């Protein structure tokens, strides 16, 4: 499974979205399921999936799927 698919799956799981839900254009609070509590679940899911520890500034700045891709790049995860 590609890193991109793993990230998509982490988003779907953490935000309790259907398996086929598009997530590439998701933005924080544009989806009713992505609230502050779901945000922390999402961060934990990403950390677990990619074996990284995301620092506080990056947690705060993770405002979209695209931003999550960028942030993971900082931790050596090449999401393509």
C-alpha atoms as a PDB file:
ATOM      1  CA  UNK A   1       0.000   0.000   0.000  1.00  0.00           C
ATOM      2  CA  UNK A   2       1.366   3.432  -0.906  1.00  0.00           C
ATOM      3  CA  UNK A   3       2.074   6.103   1.684  1.00  0.00           C
ATOM      4  CA  UNK A   4      -0.683   8.195   0.103  1.00  0.00           C
ATOM      5  CA  UNK A   5      -3.228   5.414   0.522  1.00  0.00           C
ATOM      6  CA  UNK A   6      -2.108   4.845   4.107  1.00  0.00           C
ATOM      7  CA  UNK A   7      -2.673   8.535   4.855  1.00  0.00           C
ATOM      8  CA  UNK A   8      -6.075   8.494   3.172  1.00  0.00           C
ATOM      9  CA  UNK A   9      -7.041   5.469   5.263  1.00  0.00           C
ATOM     10  CA  UNK A  10      -5.853   7.181   8.454  1.00  0.00           C
ATOM     11  CA  UNK A  11      -8.066  10.184   7.641  1.00  0.00           C
ATOM     12  CA  UNK A  12     -11.080   7.977   6.893  1.00  0.00           C
ATOM     13  CA  UNK A  13     -10.638   5.954  10.067  1.00  0.00           C
ATOM     14  CA  UNK A  14     -10.013   8.900  12.400  1.00  0.00           C
ATOM     15  CA  UNK A  15     -12.873  10.946  10.956  1.00  0.00           C
ATOM     16  CA  UNK A  16     -15.223   7.956  10.747  1.00  0.00           C
ATOM     17  CA  UNK A  17     -15.726   8.359   6.999  1.00  0.00           C
ATOM     18  CA  UNK A  18     -16.818   5.658   4.534  1.00  0.00           C
ATOM     19  CA  UNK A  19     -14.019   3.610   2.966  1.00  0.00           C
ATOM     20  CA  UNK A  20     -14.586   5.256  -0.417  1.00  0.00           C
ATOM     21  CA  UNK A  21     -14.948   8.847   0.841  1.00  0.00           C
ATOM     22  CA  UNK A  22     -12.686  11.325  -0.978  1.00  0.00           C
ATOM     23  CA  UNK A  23     -10.299  12.953   1.485  1.00  0.00           C
ATOM     24  CA  UNK A  24      -7.652  14.686  -0.646  1.00  0.00           C
ATOM     25  CA  UNK A  25      -9.507  18.031  -0.494  1.00  0.00           C
ATOM     26  CA  UNK A  26     -10.544  17.856   3.169  1.00  0.00           C
ATOM     27  CA  UNK A  27      -9.918  20.898   5.332  1.00  0.00           C
ATOM     28  CA  UNK A  28     -10.243  21.275   9.092  1.00  0.00           C
ATOM     29  CA  UNK A  29     -13.822  22.088  10.102  1.00  0.00           C
ATOM     30  CA  UNK A  30     -15.078  22.063   6.489  1.00  0.00           C
ATOM     31  CA  UNK A  31     -16.286  18.568   7.305  1.00  0.00           C
ATOM     32  CA  UNK A  32     -18.627  18.314  10.292  1.00  0.00           C
ATOM     33  CA  UNK A  33     -16.752  15.251  11.555  1.00  0.00           C
ATOM     34  CA  UNK A  34     -13.388  17.054  11.684  1.00  0.00           C
ATOM     35  CA  UNK A  35     -13.739  18.952  14.945  1.00  0.00           C
ATOM     36  CA  UNK A  36     -11.102  19.482  17.643  1.00  0.00           C
ATOM     37  CA  UNK A  37     -11.576  16.042  19.190  1.00  0.00           C
ATOM     38  CA  UNK A  38     -11.432  14.304  15.811  1.00  0.00           C
ATOM     39  CA  UNK A  39      -8.337  16.383  15.025  1.00  0.00           C
ATOM     40  CA  UNK A  40      -6.485  14.848  17.965  1.00  0.00           C
ATOM     41  CA  UNK A  41      -7.663  11.369  16.934  1.00  0.00           C
ATOM     42  CA  UNK A  42      -6.413  12.066  13.425  1.00  0.00           C
ATOM     43  CA  UNK A  43      -3.001  13.164  14.673  1.00  0.00           C
ATOM     44  CA  UNK A  44      -2.738  10.028  16.823  1.00  0.00           C
ATOM     45  CA  UNK A  45      -3.758   7.832  13.876  1.00  0.00           C
ATOM     46  CA  UNK A  46      -1.139   9.443  11.634  1.00  0.00           C
ATOM     47  CA  UNK A  47       1.540   9.120  14.303  1.00  0.00           C
ATOM     48  CA  UNK A  48       0.706   5.441  14.775  1.00  0.00           C
ATOM     49  CA  UNK A  49       0.478   4.667  11.061  1.00  0.00           C
ATOM     50  CA  UNK A  50       3.780   6.311  10.156  1.00  0.00           C
ATOM     51  CA  UNK A  51       5.697   5.815  13.437  1.00  0.00           C
ATOM     52  CA  UNK A  52       6.342   9.532  13.889  1.00  0.00           C
ATOM     53  CA  UNK A  53       5.860  11.986  16.744  1.00  0.00           C
ATOM     54  CA  UNK A  54       4.344  15.205  15.409  1.00  0.00           C
ATOM     55  CA  UNK A  55       5.360  18.323  17.325  1.00  0.00           C
ATOM     56  CA  UNK A  56       2.825  20.755  18.727  1.00  0.00           C
ATOM     57  CA  UNK A  57       3.259  23.429  16.057  1.00  0.00           C
ATOM     58  CA  UNK A  58       2.645  20.872  13.326  1.00  0.00           C
ATOM     59  CA  UNK A  59      -0.422  19.521  15.146  1.00  0.00           C
ATOM     60  CA  UNK A  60      -1.843  23.039  15.243  1.00  0.00           C
ATOM     61  CA  UNK A  61      -0.956  23.713  11.602  1.00  0.00           C
ATOM     62  CA  UNK A  62      -2.416  20.469  10.237  1.00  0.00           C
ATOM     63  CA  UNK A  63      -5.433  22.164   8.692  1.00  0.00           C
ATOM     64  CA  UNK A  64      -5.956  20.053   5.580  1.00  0.00           C
ATOM     65  CA  UNK A  65      -5.064  16.776   3.920  1.00  0.00           C
ATOM     66  CA  UNK A  66      -2.472  18.608   1.812  1.00  0.00           C
ATOM     67  CA  UNK A  67      -0.943  20.117   4.930  1.00  0.00           C
ATOM     68  CA  UNK A  68      -0.729  16.650   6.501  1.00  0.00           C
ATOM     69  CA  UNK A  69       1.213  15.501   3.421  1.00  0.00           C
ATOM     70  CA  UNK A  70       3.599  18.448   3.802  1.00  0.00           C
ATOM     71  CA  UNK A  71       4.038  17.888   7.532  1.00  0.00           C
ATOM     72  CA  UNK A  72       4.770  14.196   7.076  1.00  0.00           C
ATOM     73  CA  UNK A  73       7.488  15.172   4.611  1.00  0.00           C
ATOM     74  CA  UNK A  74       9.235  17.012   7.450  1.00  0.00           C
ATOM     75  CA  UNK A  75       9.420  13.693   9.276  1.00  0.00           C
ATOM     76  CA  UNK A  76      10.887  11.800   6.341  1.00  0.00           C
ATOM     77  CA  UNK A  77       7.634  10.307   5.063  1.00  0.00           C
ATOM     78  CA  UNK A  78       7.358  10.771   1.295  1.00  0.00           C
ATOM     79  CA  UNK A  79       3.620  10.717   0.622  1.00  0.00           C
ATOM     80  CA  UNK A  80       2.996  10.270  -3.101  1.00  0.00           C
END
